[in-house]
Amino acid sequence: MNSLAGQIDAKREVGEAVCHRLCAEIDKLGFAADAITHYPHYGQAHFELVKDPYTGAENLAAYWFNASNNQRLGRLQFNSDGSFYAEYDVVKPHPSKKQWFVEGVSAWGKPDAMKAEAKLLPQL
């Protein structure tokens, strides 16, 4: 199961749940239906195995890119202890709170204890 394809399949259920949570966090912000043109989907990610510097294990990493594949929009890292961390760019002014800018959304934890939040910056 250390093959890339094996890791992608083994992490699919959790990965899809993380993507669903990231999408829900974006939608919770209240953007108009046409304001968000891209969402993270597990099956659309680019995958690779990355070596954990602490344990030496090969962990699965997923990356999302824009349509021309030249700008990374997000990532999902599965760790050898069963935890994960994900972030996905939104990069838009908050739709209802003009004093905030939405940098992105993030999710972290373990499959049975997932947390997520929007990453807001004060508007300049």
PDB file of N, CA and C in Angstrom:
ATOM      1  N   MET A   1       0.815  -1.202   0.000  1.00  0.00           N
ATOM      2  CA  MET A   1       0.000   0.000   0.000  1.00  0.00           C
ATOM      3  C   MET A   1       0.857   1.263   0.000  1.00  0.00           C
ATOM      4  N   ASN A   2       2.143   1.147  -0.078  1.00  0.00           N
ATOM      5  CA  ASN A   2       2.988   2.338  -0.120  1.00  0.00           C
ATOM      6  C   ASN A   2       3.054   2.945  -1.507  1.00  0.00           C
ATOM      7  N   SER A   3       2.439   2.300  -2.486  1.00  0.00           N
ATOM      8  CA  SER A   3       2.430   2.892  -3.816  1.00  0.00           C
ATOM      9  C   SER A   3       1.538   4.124  -3.807  1.00  0.00           C
ATOM     10  N   LEU A   4       1.785   5.018  -4.722  1.00  0.00           N
ATOM     11  CA  LEU A   4       0.988   6.239  -4.823  1.00  0.00           C
ATOM     12  C   LEU A   4      -0.485   5.906  -5.045  1.00  0.00           C
ATOM     13  N   ALA A   5      -0.781   5.032  -5.990  1.00  0.00           N
ATOM     14  CA  ALA A   5      -2.170   4.673  -6.273  1.00  0.00           C
ATOM     15  C   ALA A   5      -2.833   4.045  -5.042  1.00  0.00           C
ATOM     16  N   GLY A   6      -2.110   3.215  -4.331  1.00  0.00           N
ATOM     17  CA  GLY A   6      -2.650   2.591  -3.126  1.00  0.00           C
ATOM     18  C   GLY A   6      -2.969   3.607  -2.050  1.00  0.00           C
ATOM     19  N   GLN A   7      -2.094   4.582  -1.875  1.00  0.00           N
ATOM     20  CA  GLN A   7      -2.316   5.638  -0.880  1.00  0.00           C
ATOM     21  C   GLN A   7      -3.512   6.511  -1.275  1.00  0.00           C
ATOM     22  N   ILE A   8      -3.622   6.846  -2.554  1.00  0.00           N
ATOM     23  CA  ILE A   8      -4.746   7.665  -3.033  1.00  0.00           C
ATOM     24  C   ILE A   8      -6.065   6.952  -2.731  1.00  0.00           C
ATOM     25  N   ASP A   9      -6.129   5.658  -3.039  1.00  0.00           N
ATOM     26  CA  ASP A   9      -7.351   4.900  -2.792  1.00  0.00           C
ATOM     27  C   ASP A   9      -7.623   4.758  -1.294  1.00  0.00           C
ATOM     28  N   ALA A  10      -6.589   4.488  -0.505  1.00  0.00           N
ATOM     29  CA  ALA A  10      -6.758   4.286   0.934  1.00  0.00           C
ATOM     30  C   ALA A  10      -7.244   5.556   1.630  1.00  0.00           C
ATOM     31  N   LYS A  11      -6.861   6.701   1.131  1.00  0.00           N
ATOM     32  CA  LYS A  11      -7.221   7.981   1.766  1.00  0.00           C
ATOM     33  C   LYS A  11      -8.447   8.635   1.128  1.00  0.00           C
ATOM     34  N   ARG A  12      -9.045   7.998   0.133  1.00  0.00           N
ATOM     35  CA  ARG A  12     -10.138   8.608  -0.632  1.00  0.00           C
ATOM     36  C   ARG A  12     -11.304   9.039   0.260  1.00  0.00           C
ATOM     37  N   GLU A  13     -11.791   8.187   1.128  1.00  0.00           N
ATOM     38  CA  GLU A  13     -12.962   8.529   1.944  1.00  0.00           C
ATOM     39  C   GLU A  13     -12.675   9.746   2.831  1.00  0.00           C
ATOM     40  N   VAL A  14     -11.544   9.752   3.487  1.00  0.00           N
ATOM     41  CA  VAL A  14     -11.177  10.893   4.333  1.00  0.00           C
ATOM     42  C   VAL A  14     -10.932  12.127   3.464  1.00  0.00           C
ATOM     43  N   GLY A  15     -10.236  11.959   2.359  1.00  0.00           N
ATOM     44  CA  GLY A  15      -9.954  13.077   1.465  1.00  0.00           C
ATOM     45  C   GLY A  15     -11.220  13.727   0.933  1.00  0.00           C
ATOM     46  N   GLU A  16     -12.191  12.924   0.567  1.00  0.00           N
ATOM     47  CA  GLU A  16     -13.456  13.471   0.083  1.00  0.00           C
ATOM     48  C   GLU A  16     -14.199  14.199   1.199  1.00  0.00           C
ATOM     49  N   ALA A  17     -14.118  13.686   2.429  1.00  0.00           N
ATOM     50  CA  ALA A  17     -14.755  14.360   3.570  1.00  0.00           C
ATOM     51  C   ALA A  17     -14.079  15.701   3.849  1.00  0.00           C
ATOM     52  N   VAL A  18     -12.760  15.742   3.747  1.00  0.00           N
ATOM     53  CA  VAL A  18     -12.026  16.998   3.951  1.00  0.00           C
ATOM     54  C   VAL A  18     -12.423  18.010   2.876  1.00  0.00           C
ATOM     55  N   CYS A  19     -12.474  17.576   1.635  1.00  0.00           N
ATOM     56  CA  CYS A  19     -12.877  18.478   0.544  1.00  0.00           C
ATOM     57  C   CYS A  19     -14.288  19.004   0.772  1.00  0.00           C
ATOM     58  N   HIS A  20     -15.193  18.123   1.189  1.00  0.00           N
ATOM     59  CA  HIS A  20     -16.568  18.544   1.468  1.00  0.00           C
ATOM     60  C   HIS A  20     -16.579  19.608   2.567  1.00  0.00           C
ATOM     61  N   ARG A  21     -15.762  19.416   3.585  1.00  0.00           N
ATOM     62  CA  ARG A  21     -15.708  20.385   4.685  1.00  0.00           C
ATOM     63  C   ARG A  21     -15.131  21.721   4.219  1.00  0.00           C
ATOM     64  N   LEU A  22     -14.095  21.696   3.396  1.00  0.00           N
ATOM     65  CA  LEU A  22     -13.530  22.936   2.860  1.00  0.00           C
ATOM     66  C   LEU A  22     -14.572  23.678   2.021  1.00  0.00           C
ATOM     67  N   CYS A  23     -15.292  22.942   1.175  1.00  0.00           N
ATOM     68  CA  CYS A  23     -16.344  23.559   0.352  1.00  0.00           C
ATOM     69  C   CYS A  23     -17.439  24.157   1.227  1.00  0.00           C
ATOM     70  N   ALA A  24     -17.814  23.447   2.287  1.00  0.00           N
ATOM     71  CA  ALA A  24     -18.844  23.950   3.200  1.00  0.00           C
ATOM     72  C   ALA A  24     -18.387  25.235   3.886  1.00  0.00           C
ATOM     73  N   GLU A  25     -17.110  25.316   4.235  1.00  0.00           N
ATOM     74  CA  GLU A  25     -16.579  26.533   4.867  1.00  0.00           C
ATOM     75  C   GLU A  25     -16.623  27.710   3.893  1.00  0.00           C
ATOM     76  N   ILE A  26     -16.317  27.452   2.633  1.00  0.00           N
ATOM     77  CA  ILE A  26     -16.398  28.510   1.620  1.00  0.00           C
ATOM     78  C   ILE A  26     -17.848  28.967   1.480  1.00  0.00           C
ATOM     79  N   ASP A  27     -18.758  28.001   1.357  1.00  0.00           N
ATOM     80  CA  ASP A  27     -20.168  28.338   1.169  1.00  0.00           C
ATOM     81  C   ASP A  27     -20.757  29.069   2.377  1.00  0.00           C
ATOM     82  N   LYS A  28     -20.295  28.727   3.573  1.00  0.00           N
ATOM     83  CA  LYS A  28     -20.788  29.367   4.796  1.00  0.00           C
ATOM     84  C   LYS A  28     -20.511  30.872   4.811  1.00  0.00           C
ATOM     85  N   LEU A  29     -19.517  31.294   4.074  1.00  0.00           N
ATOM     86  CA  LEU A  29     -19.157  32.714   4.046  1.00  0.00           C
ATOM     87  C   LEU A  29     -20.211  33.551   3.332  1.00  0.00           C
ATOM     88  N   GLY A  30     -21.025  32.940   2.493  1.00  0.00           N
ATOM     89  CA  GLY A  30     -22.131  33.644   1.870  1.00  0.00           C
ATOM     90  C   GLY A  30     -21.835  34.304   0.535  1.00  0.00           C
ATOM     91  N   PHE A  31     -20.872  33.783  -0.200  1.00  0.00           N
ATOM     92  CA  PHE A  31     -20.591  34.337  -1.522  1.00  0.00           C
ATOM     93  C   PHE A  31     -21.764  34.085  -2.464  1.00  0.00           C
ATOM     94  N   ALA A  32     -21.941  34.950  -3.426  1.00  0.00           N
ATOM     95  CA  ALA A  32     -22.950  34.744  -4.467  1.00  0.00           C
ATOM     96  C   ALA A  32     -22.610  33.467  -5.228  1.00  0.00           C
ATOM     97  N   ALA A  33     -23.614  32.849  -5.813  1.00  0.00           N
ATOM     98  CA  ALA A  33     -23.449  31.554  -6.486  1.00  0.00           C
ATOM     99  C   ALA A  33     -22.354  31.567  -7.549  1.00  0.00           C
ATOM    100  N   ASP A  34     -22.182  32.675  -8.255  1.00  0.00           N
ATOM    101  CA  ASP A  34     -21.186  32.719  -9.324  1.00  0.00           C
ATOM    102  C   ASP A  34     -19.841  33.318  -8.890  1.00  0.00           C
ATOM    103  N   ALA A  35     -19.696  33.656  -7.619  1.00  0.00           N
ATOM    104  CA  ALA A  35     -18.464  34.304  -7.147  1.00  0.00           C
ATOM    105  C   ALA A  35     -17.311  33.325  -6.982  1.00  0.00           C
ATOM    106  N   ILE A  36     -17.601  32.098  -6.660  1.00  0.00           N
ATOM    107  CA  ILE A  36     -16.561  31.083  -6.470  1.00  0.00           C
ATOM    108  C   ILE A  36     -16.573  30.175  -7.692  1.00  0.00           C
ATOM    109  N   THR A  37     -15.486  30.178  -8.430  1.00  0.00           N
ATOM    110  CA  THR A  37     -15.424  29.417  -9.681  1.00  0.00           C
ATOM    111  C   THR A  37     -14.665  28.105  -9.540  1.00  0.00           C
ATOM    112  N   HIS A  38     -14.049  27.851  -8.393  1.00  0.00           N
ATOM    113  CA  HIS A  38     -13.304  26.616  -8.201  1.00  0.00           C
ATOM    114  C   HIS A  38     -13.435  26.167  -6.748  1.00  0.00           C
ATOM    115  N   TYR A  39     -13.569  24.877  -6.574  1.00  0.00           N
ATOM    116  CA  TYR A  39     -13.645  24.236  -5.259  1.00  0.00           C
ATOM    117  C   TYR A  39     -12.677  23.062  -5.239  1.00  0.00           C
ATOM    118  N   PRO A  40     -12.218  22.653  -4.060  1.00  0.00           N
ATOM    119  CA  PRO A  40     -11.344  21.477  -3.994  1.00  0.00           C
ATOM    120  C   PRO A  40     -12.143  20.180  -4.133  1.00  0.00           C
ATOM    121  N   HIS A  41     -11.737  19.325  -5.056  1.00  0.00           N
ATOM    122  CA  HIS A  41     -12.337  18.007  -5.231  1.00  0.00           C
ATOM    123  C   HIS A  41     -11.208  16.986  -5.221  1.00  0.00           C
ATOM    124  N   TYR A  42     -11.372  15.953  -4.423  1.00  0.00           N
ATOM    125  CA  TYR A  42     -10.313  14.956  -4.242  1.00  0.00           C
ATOM    126  C   TYR A  42      -9.844  14.382  -5.573  1.00  0.00           C
ATOM    127  N   GLY A  43     -10.768  14.031  -6.426  1.00  0.00           N
ATOM    128  CA  GLY A  43     -10.405  13.410  -7.704  1.00  0.00           C
ATOM    129  C   GLY A  43      -9.705  14.332  -8.684  1.00  0.00           C
ATOM    130  N   GLN A  44      -9.719  15.639  -8.423  1.00  0.00           N
ATOM    131  CA  GLN A  44      -9.067  16.598  -9.316  1.00  0.00           C
ATOM    132  C   GLN A  44      -7.695  17.039  -8.805  1.00  0.00           C
ATOM    133  N   ALA A  45      -7.270  16.472  -7.702  1.00  0.00           N
ATOM    134  CA  ALA A  45      -5.973  16.861  -7.130  1.00  0.00           C
ATOM    135  C   ALA A  45      -4.824  16.176  -7.864  1.00  0.00           C
ATOM    136  N   HIS A  46      -3.660  16.772  -7.731  1.00  0.00           N
ATOM    137  CA  HIS A  46      -2.408  16.164  -8.176  1.00  0.00           C
ATOM    138  C   HIS A  46      -1.776  15.576  -6.919  1.00  0.00           C
ATOM    139  N   PHE A  47      -1.410  14.301  -6.965  1.00  0.00           N
ATOM    140  CA  PHE A  47      -0.929  13.602  -5.779  1.00  0.00           C
ATOM    141  C   PHE A  47       0.550  13.287  -5.882  1.00  0.00           C
ATOM    142  N   GLU A  48       1.183  13.231  -4.718  1.00  0.00           N
ATOM    143  CA  GLU A  48       2.558  12.752  -4.633  1.00  0.00           C
ATOM    144  C   GLU A  48       2.808  12.241  -3.225  1.00  0.00           C
ATOM    145  N   LEU A  49       3.817  11.394  -3.098  1.00  0.00           N
ATOM    146  CA  LEU A  49       4.240  10.932  -1.784  1.00  0.00           C
ATOM    147  C   LEU A  49       5.376  11.824  -1.311  1.00  0.00           C
ATOM    148  N   VAL A  50       5.278  12.275  -0.062  1.00  0.00           N
ATOM    149  CA  VAL A  50       6.323  13.118   0.523  1.00  0.00           C
ATOM    150  C   VAL A  50       6.830  12.445   1.787  1.00  0.00           C
ATOM    151  N   LYS A  51       8.109  12.560   2.007  1.00  0.00           N
ATOM    152  CA  LYS A  51       8.725  11.909   3.162  1.00  0.00           C
ATOM    153  C   LYS A  51       8.542  12.770   4.410  1.00  0.00           C
ATOM    154  N   ASP A  52       8.019  12.155   5.457  1.00  0.00           N
ATOM    155  CA  ASP A  52       7.871  12.814   6.750  1.00  0.00           C
ATOM    156  C   ASP A  52       9.253  12.903   7.383  1.00  0.00           C
ATOM    157  N   PRO A  53       9.758  14.120   7.638  1.00  0.00           N
ATOM    158  CA  PRO A  53      11.111  14.247   8.181  1.00  0.00           C
ATOM    159  C   PRO A  53      11.252  13.670   9.593  1.00  0.00           C
ATOM    160  N   TYR A  54      10.147  13.562  10.313  1.00  0.00           N
ATOM    161  CA  TYR A  54      10.205  13.058  11.685  1.00  0.00           C
ATOM    162  C   TYR A  54      10.161  11.530  11.738  1.00  0.00           C
ATOM    163  N   THR A  55       9.224  10.931  11.015  1.00  0.00           N
ATOM    164  CA  THR A  55       9.045   9.479  11.084  1.00  0.00           C
ATOM    165  C   THR A  55       9.730   8.729   9.946  1.00  0.00           C
ATOM    166  N   GLY A  56      10.027   9.430   8.856  1.00  0.00           N
ATOM    167  CA  GLY A  56      10.596   8.783   7.692  1.00  0.00           C
ATOM    168  C   GLY A  56       9.550   8.106   6.817  1.00  0.00           C
ATOM    169  N   ALA A  57       8.293   8.144   7.225  1.00  0.00           N
ATOM    170  CA  ALA A  57       7.213   7.516   6.456  1.00  0.00           C
ATOM    171  C   ALA A  57       6.894   8.344   5.216  1.00  0.00           C
ATOM    172  N   GLU A  58       6.363   7.666   4.210  1.00  0.00           N
ATOM    173  CA  GLU A  58       5.903   8.370   3.018  1.00  0.00           C
ATOM    174  C   GLU A  58       4.442   8.731   3.219  1.00  0.00           C
ATOM    175  N   ASN A  59       4.154  10.009   3.213  1.00  0.00           N
ATOM    176  CA  ASN A  59       2.805  10.516   3.407  1.00  0.00           C
ATOM    177  C   ASN A  59       2.246  11.017   2.092  1.00  0.00           C
ATOM    178  N   LEU A  60       0.925  10.906   1.959  1.00  0.00           N
ATOM    179  CA  LEU A  60       0.255  11.364   0.752  1.00  0.00           C
ATOM    180  C   LEU A  60       0.001  12.869   0.839  1.00  0.00           C
ATOM    181  N   ALA A  61       0.323  13.576  -0.221  1.00  0.00           N
ATOM    182  CA  ALA A  61       0.027  15.002  -0.344  1.00  0.00           C
ATOM    183  C   ALA A  61      -0.781  15.202  -1.621  1.00  0.00           C
ATOM    184  N   ALA A  62      -1.807  16.047  -1.509  1.00  0.00           N
ATOM    185  CA  ALA A  62      -2.653  16.380  -2.655  1.00  0.00           C
ATOM    186  C   ALA A  62      -2.557  17.876  -2.888  1.00  0.00           C
ATOM    187  N   TYR A  63      -2.484  18.290  -4.147  1.00  0.00           N
ATOM    188  CA  TYR A  63      -2.374  19.707  -4.501  1.00  0.00           C
ATOM    189  C   TYR A  63      -3.412  20.035  -5.560  1.00  0.00           C
ATOM    190  N   TRP A  64      -4.003  21.208  -5.433  1.00  0.00           N
ATOM    191  CA  TRP A  64      -4.938  21.705  -6.444  1.00  0.00           C
ATOM    192  C   TRP A  64      -4.319  22.921  -7.109  1.00  0.00           C
ATOM    193  N   PHE A  65      -4.486  23.010  -8.424  1.00  0.00           N
ATOM    194  CA  PHE A  65      -3.923  24.098  -9.217  1.00  0.00           C
ATOM    195  C   PHE A  65      -5.038  24.784 -10.010  1.00  0.00           C
ATOM    196  N   ASN A  66      -4.747  25.992 -10.477  1.00  0.00           N
ATOM    197  CA  ASN A  66      -5.713  26.694 -11.336  1.00  0.00           C
ATOM    198  C   ASN A  66      -5.791  25.977 -12.690  1.00  0.00           C
ATOM    199  N   ALA A  67      -6.657  26.459 -13.558  1.00  0.00           N
ATOM    200  CA  ALA A  67      -6.925  25.793 -14.836  1.00  0.00           C
ATOM    201  C   ALA A  67      -5.680  25.621 -15.702  1.00  0.00           C
ATOM    202  N   SER A  68      -4.749  26.553 -15.616  1.00  0.00           N
ATOM    203  CA  SER A  68      -3.542  26.436 -16.440  1.00  0.00           C
ATOM    204  C   SER A  68      -2.399  25.728 -15.705  1.00  0.00           C
ATOM    205  N   ASN A  69      -2.669  25.200 -14.518  1.00  0.00           N
ATOM    206  CA  ASN A  69      -1.684  24.448 -13.723  1.00  0.00           C
ATOM    207  C   ASN A  69      -0.419  25.221 -13.388  1.00  0.00           C
ATOM    208  N   ASN A  70      -0.514  26.532 -13.330  1.00  0.00           N
ATOM    209  CA  ASN A  70       0.691  27.296 -13.003  1.00  0.00           C
ATOM    210  C   ASN A  70       0.616  27.972 -11.636  1.00  0.00           C
ATOM    211  N   GLN A  71      -0.507  27.862 -10.951  1.00  0.00           N
ATOM    212  CA  GLN A  71      -0.635  28.466  -9.631  1.00  0.00           C
ATOM    213  C   GLN A  71      -1.344  27.489  -8.702  1.00  0.00           C
ATOM    214  N   ARG A  72      -0.691  27.185  -7.584  1.00  0.00           N
ATOM    215  CA  ARG A  72      -1.295  26.264  -6.618  1.00  0.00           C
ATOM    216  C   ARG A  72      -2.393  26.976  -5.847  1.00  0.00           C
ATOM    217  N   LEU A  73      -3.557  26.328  -5.734  1.00  0.00           N
ATOM    218  CA  LEU A  73      -4.703  26.884  -5.012  1.00  0.00           C
ATOM    219  C   LEU A  73      -4.882  26.253  -3.635  1.00  0.00           C
ATOM    220  N   GLY A  74      -4.345  25.070  -3.445  1.00  0.00           N
ATOM    221  CA  GLY A  74      -4.530  24.426  -2.155  1.00  0.00           C
ATOM    222  C   GLY A  74      -3.739  23.150  -2.029  1.00  0.00           C
ATOM    223  N   ARG A  75      -3.771  22.619  -0.789  1.00  0.00           N
ATOM    224  CA  ARG A  75      -3.071  21.362  -0.543  1.00  0.00           C
ATOM    225  C   ARG A  75      -3.755  20.615   0.589  1.00  0.00           C
ATOM    226  N   LEU A  76      -3.548  19.321   0.592  1.00  0.00           N
ATOM    227  CA  LEU A  76      -4.021  18.436   1.644  1.00  0.00           C
ATOM    228  C   LEU A  76      -2.882  17.494   1.965  1.00  0.00           C
ATOM    229  N   GLN A  77      -2.460  17.475   3.213  1.00  0.00           N
ATOM    230  CA  GLN A  77      -1.348  16.624   3.649  1.00  0.00           C
ATOM    231  C   GLN A  77      -1.884  15.607   4.641  1.00  0.00           C
ATOM    232  N   PHE A  78      -1.725  14.324   4.334  1.00  0.00           N
ATOM    233  CA  PHE A  78      -2.040  13.244   5.266  1.00  0.00           C
ATOM    234  C   PHE A  78      -0.768  12.893   6.019  1.00  0.00           C
ATOM    235  N   ASN A  79      -0.833  12.855   7.332  1.00  0.00           N
ATOM    236  CA  ASN A  79       0.334  12.563   8.153  1.00  0.00           C
ATOM    237  C   ASN A  79       0.320  11.118   8.630  1.00  0.00           C
ATOM    238  N   SER A  80       1.501  10.595   8.976  1.00  0.00           N
ATOM    239  CA  SER A  80       1.626   9.186   9.360  1.00  0.00           C
ATOM    240  C   SER A  80       0.916   8.860  10.672  1.00  0.00           C
ATOM    241  N   ASP A  81       0.573   9.865  11.474  1.00  0.00           N
ATOM    242  CA  ASP A  81      -0.157   9.603  12.725  1.00  0.00           C
ATOM    243  C   ASP A  81      -1.667   9.585  12.529  1.00  0.00           C
ATOM    244  N   GLY A  82      -2.128   9.663  11.286  1.00  0.00           N
ATOM    245  CA  GLY A  82      -3.550   9.634  10.997  1.00  0.00           C
ATOM    246  C   GLY A  82      -4.194  11.009  10.922  1.00  0.00           C
ATOM    247  N   SER A  83      -3.437  12.051  11.206  1.00  0.00           N
ATOM    248  CA  SER A  83      -3.975  13.408  11.126  1.00  0.00           C
ATOM    249  C   SER A  83      -3.801  13.962   9.714  1.00  0.00           C
ATOM    250  N   PHE A  84      -4.405  15.111   9.480  1.00  0.00           N
ATOM    251  CA  PHE A  84      -4.274  15.770   8.185  1.00  0.00           C
ATOM    252  C   PHE A  84      -4.315  17.279   8.410  1.00  0.00           C
ATOM    253  N   TYR A  85      -3.847  18.002   7.394  1.00  0.00           N
ATOM    254  CA  TYR A  85      -3.986  19.461   7.355  1.00  0.00           C
ATOM    255  C   TYR A  85      -4.280  19.837   5.905  1.00  0.00           C
ATOM    256  N   ALA A  86      -5.277  20.705   5.717  1.00  0.00           N
ATOM    257  CA  ALA A  86      -5.639  21.140   4.366  1.00  0.00           C
ATOM    258  C   ALA A  86      -5.864  22.640   4.361  1.00  0.00           C
ATOM    259  N   GLU A  87      -5.534  23.263   3.248  1.00  0.00           N
ATOM    260  CA  GLU A  87      -5.834  24.675   3.049  1.00  0.00           C
ATOM    261  C   GLU A  87      -6.182  24.879   1.588  1.00  0.00           C
ATOM    262  N   TYR A  88      -7.084  25.857   1.363  1.00  0.00           N
ATOM    263  CA  TYR A  88      -7.523  26.132   0.002  1.00  0.00           C
ATOM    264  C   TYR A  88      -7.757  27.632  -0.132  1.00  0.00           C
ATOM    265  N   ASP A  89      -7.212  28.224  -1.186  1.00  0.00           N
ATOM    266  CA  ASP A  89      -7.301  29.669  -1.397  1.00  0.00           C
ATOM    267  C   ASP A  89      -8.686  30.093  -1.859  1.00  0.00           C
ATOM    268  N   VAL A  90      -9.147  31.229  -1.330  1.00  0.00           N
ATOM    269  CA  VAL A  90     -10.360  31.884  -1.794  1.00  0.00           C
ATOM    270  C   VAL A  90      -9.979  33.234  -2.409  1.00  0.00           C
ATOM    271  N   VAL A  91      -9.211  34.039  -1.693  1.00  0.00           N
ATOM    272  CA  VAL A  91      -8.633  35.296  -2.155  1.00  0.00           C
ATOM    273  C   VAL A  91      -9.694  36.241  -2.729  1.00  0.00           C
ATOM    274  N   LYS A  92     -10.627  36.614  -1.861  1.00  0.00           N
ATOM    275  CA  LYS A  92     -11.706  37.542  -2.251  1.00  0.00           C
ATOM    276  C   LYS A  92     -12.120  38.364  -1.037  1.00  0.00           C
ATOM    277  N   PRO A  93     -12.618  39.565  -1.255  1.00  0.00           N
ATOM    278  CA  PRO A  93     -13.190  40.319  -0.149  1.00  0.00           C
ATOM    279  C   PRO A  93     -14.372  39.543   0.445  1.00  0.00           C
ATOM    280  N   HIS A  94     -14.532  39.614   1.752  1.00  0.00           N
ATOM    281  CA  HIS A  94     -15.664  38.941   2.411  1.00  0.00           C
ATOM    282  C   HIS A  94     -16.961  39.493   1.831  1.00  0.00           C
ATOM    283  N   PRO A  95     -17.932  38.640   1.520  1.00  0.00           N
ATOM    284  CA  PRO A  95     -19.150  39.116   0.847  1.00  0.00           C
ATOM    285  C   PRO A  95     -20.059  39.996   1.708  1.00  0.00           C
ATOM    286  N   SER A  96     -19.988  39.888   3.022  1.00  0.00           N
ATOM    287  CA  SER A  96     -20.892  40.692   3.859  1.00  0.00           C
ATOM    288  C   SER A  96     -20.184  41.510   4.926  1.00  0.00           C
ATOM    289  N   LYS A  97     -18.951  41.187   5.214  1.00  0.00           N
ATOM    290  CA  LYS A  97     -18.192  41.917   6.237  1.00  0.00           C
ATOM    291  C   LYS A  97     -17.052  42.650   5.541  1.00  0.00           C
ATOM    292  N   LYS A  98     -17.328  43.870   5.123  1.00  0.00           N
ATOM    293  CA  LYS A  98     -16.400  44.620   4.270  1.00  0.00           C
ATOM    294  C   LYS A  98     -15.045  44.900   4.919  1.00  0.00           C
ATOM    295  N   GLN A  99     -14.954  44.751   6.243  1.00  0.00           N
ATOM    296  CA  GLN A  99     -13.679  44.988   6.915  1.00  0.00           C
ATOM    297  C   GLN A  99     -12.739  43.779   6.814  1.00  0.00           C
ATOM    298  N   TRP A 100     -13.209  42.666   6.216  1.00  0.00           N
ATOM    299  CA  TRP A 100     -12.407  41.453   6.124  1.00  0.00           C
ATOM    300  C   TRP A 100     -12.169  41.028   4.684  1.00  0.00           C
ATOM    301  N   PHE A 101     -11.025  40.394   4.489  1.00  0.00           N
ATOM    302  CA  PHE A 101     -10.635  39.781   3.227  1.00  0.00           C
ATOM    303  C   PHE A 101     -10.474  38.289   3.501  1.00  0.00           C
ATOM    304  N   VAL A 102     -11.048  37.447   2.662  1.00  0.00           N
ATOM    305  CA  VAL A 102     -10.964  36.000   2.845  1.00  0.00           C
ATOM    306  C   VAL A 102      -9.741  35.481   2.097  1.00  0.00           C
ATOM    307  N   GLU A 103      -8.719  35.110   2.842  1.00  0.00           N
ATOM    308  CA  GLU A 103      -7.523  34.537   2.241  1.00  0.00           C
ATOM    309  C   GLU A 103      -7.800  33.116   1.758  1.00  0.00           C
ATOM    310  N   GLY A 104      -8.474  32.335   2.591  1.00  0.00           N
ATOM    311  CA  GLY A 104      -8.772  30.959   2.236  1.00  0.00           C
ATOM    312  C   GLY A 104      -9.509  30.262   3.358  1.00  0.00           C
ATOM    313  N   VAL A 105      -9.559  28.945   3.268  1.00  0.00           N
ATOM    314  CA  VAL A 105     -10.149  28.120   4.308  1.00  0.00           C
ATOM    315  C   VAL A 105      -9.153  27.016   4.645  1.00  0.00           C
ATOM    316  N   SER A 106      -9.239  26.512   5.862  1.00  0.00           N
ATOM    317  CA  SER A 106      -8.362  25.419   6.266  1.00  0.00           C
ATOM    318  C   SER A 106      -9.154  24.401   7.071  1.00  0.00           C
ATOM    319  N   ALA A 107      -8.664  23.168   7.058  1.00  0.00           N
ATOM    320  CA  ALA A 107      -9.247  22.081   7.837  1.00  0.00           C
ATOM    321  C   ALA A 107      -8.106  21.250   8.391  1.00  0.00           C
ATOM    322  N   TRP A 108      -8.302  20.686   9.576  1.00  0.00           N
ATOM    323  CA  TRP A 108      -7.244  19.922  10.216  1.00  0.00           C
ATOM    324  C   TRP A 108      -7.848  18.948  11.207  1.00  0.00           C
ATOM    325  N   GLY A 109      -7.020  18.028  11.661  1.00  0.00           N
ATOM    326  CA  GLY A 109      -7.442  17.073  12.687  1.00  0.00           C
ATOM    327  C   GLY A 109      -7.288  15.650  12.222  1.00  0.00           C
ATOM    328  N   LYS A 110      -8.215  14.824  12.708  1.00  0.00           N
ATOM    329  CA  LYS A 110      -8.286  13.412  12.336  1.00  0.00           C
ATOM    330  C   LYS A 110      -9.691  13.168  11.800  1.00  0.00           C
ATOM    331  N   PRO A 111      -9.905  12.069  11.085  1.00  0.00           N
ATOM    332  CA  PRO A 111     -11.209  11.846  10.470  1.00  0.00           C
ATOM    333  C   PRO A 111     -12.392  11.954  11.441  1.00  0.00           C
ATOM    334  N   ASP A 112     -12.220  11.529  12.674  1.00  0.00           N
ATOM    335  CA  ASP A 112     -13.320  11.576  13.632  1.00  0.00           C
ATOM    336  C   ASP A 112     -13.347  12.863  14.451  1.00  0.00           C
ATOM    337  N   ALA A 113     -12.415  13.761  14.197  1.00  0.00           N
ATOM    338  CA  ALA A 113     -12.350  15.037  14.928  1.00  0.00           C
ATOM    339  C   ALA A 113     -11.829  16.129  14.002  1.00  0.00           C
ATOM    340  N   MET A 114     -12.636  16.457  12.985  1.00  0.00           N
ATOM    341  CA  MET A 114     -12.232  17.427  11.976  1.00  0.00           C
ATOM    342  C   MET A 114     -12.659  18.835  12.394  1.00  0.00           C
ATOM    343  N   LYS A 115     -11.766  19.778  12.241  1.00  0.00           N
ATOM    344  CA  LYS A 115     -12.057  21.185  12.497  1.00  0.00           C
ATOM    345  C   LYS A 115     -11.769  21.965  11.224  1.00  0.00           C
ATOM    346  N   ALA A 116     -12.443  23.107  11.066  1.00  0.00           N
ATOM    347  CA  ALA A 116     -12.226  23.937   9.873  1.00  0.00           C
ATOM    348  C   ALA A 116     -12.565  25.371  10.196  1.00  0.00           C
ATOM    349  N   GLU A 117     -11.953  26.281   9.436  1.00  0.00           N
ATOM    350  CA  GLU A 117     -12.251  27.698   9.614  1.00  0.00           C
ATOM    351  C   GLU A 117     -11.807  28.471   8.381  1.00  0.00           C
ATOM    352  N   ALA A 118     -12.389  29.655   8.240  1.00  0.00           N
ATOM    353  CA  ALA A 118     -11.955  30.583   7.204  1.00  0.00           C
ATOM    354  C   ALA A 118     -10.737  31.341   7.720  1.00  0.00           C
ATOM    355  N   LYS A 119      -9.828  31.657   6.825  1.00  0.00           N
ATOM    356  CA  LYS A 119      -8.658  32.472   7.172  1.00  0.00           C
ATOM    357  C   LYS A 119      -8.931  33.890   6.678  1.00  0.00           C
ATOM    358  N   LEU A 120      -9.205  34.785   7.635  1.00  0.00           N
ATOM    359  CA  LEU A 120      -9.567  36.157   7.313  1.00  0.00           C
ATOM    360  C   LEU A 120      -8.421  37.099   7.639  1.00  0.00           C
ATOM    361  N   LEU A 121      -8.295  38.128   6.829  1.00  0.00           N
ATOM    362  CA  LEU A 121      -7.313  39.195   7.044  1.00  0.00           C
ATOM    363  C   LEU A 121      -8.065  40.523   7.086  1.00  0.00           C
ATOM    364  N   PRO A 122      -7.583  41.471   7.883  1.00  0.00           N
ATOM    365  CA  PRO A 122      -8.226  42.789   7.856  1.00  0.00           C
ATOM    366  C   PRO A 122      -8.095  43.407   6.466  1.00  0.00           C
ATOM    367  N   GLN A 123      -9.157  43.995   5.981  1.00  0.00           N
ATOM    368  CA  GLN A 123      -9.156  44.652   4.669  1.00  0.00           C
ATOM    369  C   GLN A 123      -8.307  45.924   4.738  1.00  0.00           C
ATOM    370  N   LEU A 124      -7.508  46.144   3.746  1.00  0.00           N
ATOM    371  CA  LEU A 124      -6.653  47.331   3.711  1.00  0.00           C
ATOM    372  C   LEU A 124      -7.427  48.544   3.236  1.00  0.00           C
TER     373      LEU A 124
END
